[in-house]
Protein backbone atom coordinates (compact mmCIF):
# COMPACT_ATOMS: atom_id res chain seq x y z
CA UNK A 1 -6.68 4.42 84.18
CA UNK A 2 -4.77 4.20 80.95
CA UNK A 3 -3.50 1.00 79.44
CA UNK A 4 0.08 1.96 80.31
CA UNK A 5 -0.82 2.63 83.94
CA UNK A 6 -2.62 -0.67 84.22
CA UNK A 7 0.38 -2.54 82.77
CA UNK A 8 2.65 -0.81 85.31
CA UNK A 9 0.27 -1.75 88.11
CA UNK A 10 0.18 -5.37 86.94
CA UNK A 11 3.99 -5.48 86.76
CA UNK A 12 4.29 -4.10 90.29
CA UNK A 13 1.83 -6.65 91.58
CA UNK A 14 3.70 -9.46 89.78
CA UNK A 15 7.08 -8.30 91.10
CA UNK A 16 5.69 -7.97 94.64
CA UNK A 17 4.22 -11.47 94.54
CA UNK A 18 7.45 -12.91 93.12
CA UNK A 19 9.65 -11.21 95.70
CA UNK A 20 7.38 -12.12 98.60
CA UNK A 21 7.25 -15.71 97.33
CA UNK A 22 11.03 -15.88 97.44
CA UNK A 23 11.92 -13.70 100.42
CA UNK A 24 9.33 -14.87 102.93
CA UNK A 25 10.36 -18.55 102.76
CA UNK A 26 14.04 -17.55 102.65
CA UNK A 27 13.61 -15.35 105.72
CA UNK A 28 12.13 -18.25 107.65
CA UNK A 29 15.38 -20.14 107.06
CA UNK A 30 17.59 -17.27 108.27
CA UNK A 31 20.20 -18.56 110.73
CA UNK A 32 20.08 -17.62 114.41
CA UNK A 33 23.14 -16.73 116.46
CA UNK A 34 24.38 -19.66 118.50
CA UNK A 35 22.34 -22.19 116.51
CA UNK A 36 23.63 -24.50 113.75
CA UNK A 37 23.79 -22.91 110.31
CA UNK A 38 24.03 -24.75 107.03
CA UNK A 39 26.55 -22.87 104.90
CA UNK A 40 26.35 -23.83 101.24
CA UNK A 41 29.76 -23.59 99.60
CA UNK A 42 29.92 -22.12 96.08
CA UNK A 43 31.73 -24.27 93.51
CA UNK A 44 34.69 -21.88 93.28
CA UNK A 45 35.48 -22.26 97.01
CA UNK A 46 36.79 -25.56 98.33
CA UNK A 47 35.38 -27.08 101.50
CA UNK A 48 38.78 -26.66 103.16
CA UNK A 49 38.77 -22.92 102.41
CA UNK A 50 35.17 -22.70 103.67
CA UNK A 51 36.22 -24.30 106.95
CA UNK A 52 39.01 -21.73 107.32
CA UNK A 53 36.55 -18.91 106.62
CA UNK A 54 34.19 -20.26 109.29
CA UNK A 55 37.04 -20.19 111.79
CA UNK A 56 38.14 -16.73 110.63
CA UNK A 57 34.56 -15.50 111.10
CA UNK A 58 34.65 -16.69 114.72
CA UNK A 59 32.70 -19.92 114.44
CA UNK A 60 33.39 -23.61 114.67
CA UNK A 61 32.59 -26.43 112.30
CA UNK A 62 30.25 -29.22 113.35
CA UNK A 63 30.33 -31.16 110.08
CA UNK A 64 31.31 -30.83 106.43
CA UNK A 65 30.10 -32.21 103.12
CA UNK A 66 31.28 -31.69 99.58
CA UNK A 67 28.89 -28.77 99.11
CA UNK A 68 28.44 -27.37 102.56
CA UNK A 69 29.53 -26.80 106.12
CA UNK A 70 27.44 -27.06 109.26
CA UNK A 71 28.76 -24.34 111.55
CA UNK A 72 27.92 -22.52 114.77
CA UNK A 73 29.01 -19.04 115.76
CA UNK A 74 28.27 -17.18 118.99
CA UNK A 75 29.30 -13.73 117.70
CA UNK A 76 26.36 -11.65 116.40
CA UNK A 77 28.57 -10.67 113.43
CA UNK A 78 29.40 -14.28 112.57
CA UNK A 79 27.02 -14.50 109.59
CA UNK A 80 28.02 -11.08 108.30
CA UNK A 81 31.68 -12.15 108.48
CA UNK A 82 30.89 -15.36 106.57
CA UNK A 83 29.19 -13.34 103.82
CA UNK A 84 32.20 -11.04 103.61
CA UNK A 85 34.30 -14.19 103.14
CA UNK A 86 32.25 -15.23 100.11
CA UNK A 87 29.94 -17.71 101.82
CA UNK A 88 26.65 -16.03 101.02
CA UNK A 89 24.02 -18.77 101.25
CA UNK A 90 23.57 -19.43 104.95
CA UNK A 91 20.43 -21.18 106.22
CA UNK A 92 19.08 -22.27 109.59
CA UNK A 93 20.60 -25.72 110.02
CA UNK A 94 17.93 -27.02 112.40
CA UNK A 95 15.03 -26.03 110.13
CA UNK A 96 16.79 -27.40 107.07
CA UNK A 97 17.46 -30.72 108.83
CA UNK A 98 13.80 -30.93 109.93
CA UNK A 99 12.66 -30.20 106.37
CA UNK A 100 14.85 -33.08 105.15
CA UNK A 101 13.50 -35.39 107.85
CA UNK A 102 16.77 -35.62 109.72
CA UNK A 103 17.61 -34.88 113.31
CA UNK A 104 20.51 -32.63 114.11
CA UNK A 105 23.07 -33.64 116.73
CA UNK A 106 25.62 -30.89 117.27
CA UNK A 107 27.29 -32.70 120.13
CA UNK A 108 25.71 -30.30 122.61
CA UNK A 109 23.75 -31.57 125.53
CA UNK A 110 20.14 -30.30 125.82
CA UNK A 111 20.93 -28.77 129.23
CA UNK A 112 23.47 -26.47 127.48
CA UNK A 113 20.70 -24.58 125.65
């Protein structure tokens, strides 16, 4: 193996490790249809506009903060529609709440699940 080939191999290994280190944890926080999703609002979109985009995407808002919206959508295309509307960072709201040590009350009764 030449020096150039070994450098290429090392770069591929490094890129693979980097991507897997980012994508695997991110994939575990992917939102699920019908479950709360934490939608982080980019600075160039106001919370009010984000709420309208959630509604336009077919979802409803559970809660808002200055930098995010907690939303639920039953349509399988809900998250795709949010991304089309410029809201690209969408995480599983229940897992994120558990990670932060908080419970999540969406106003739904446990028998509704």
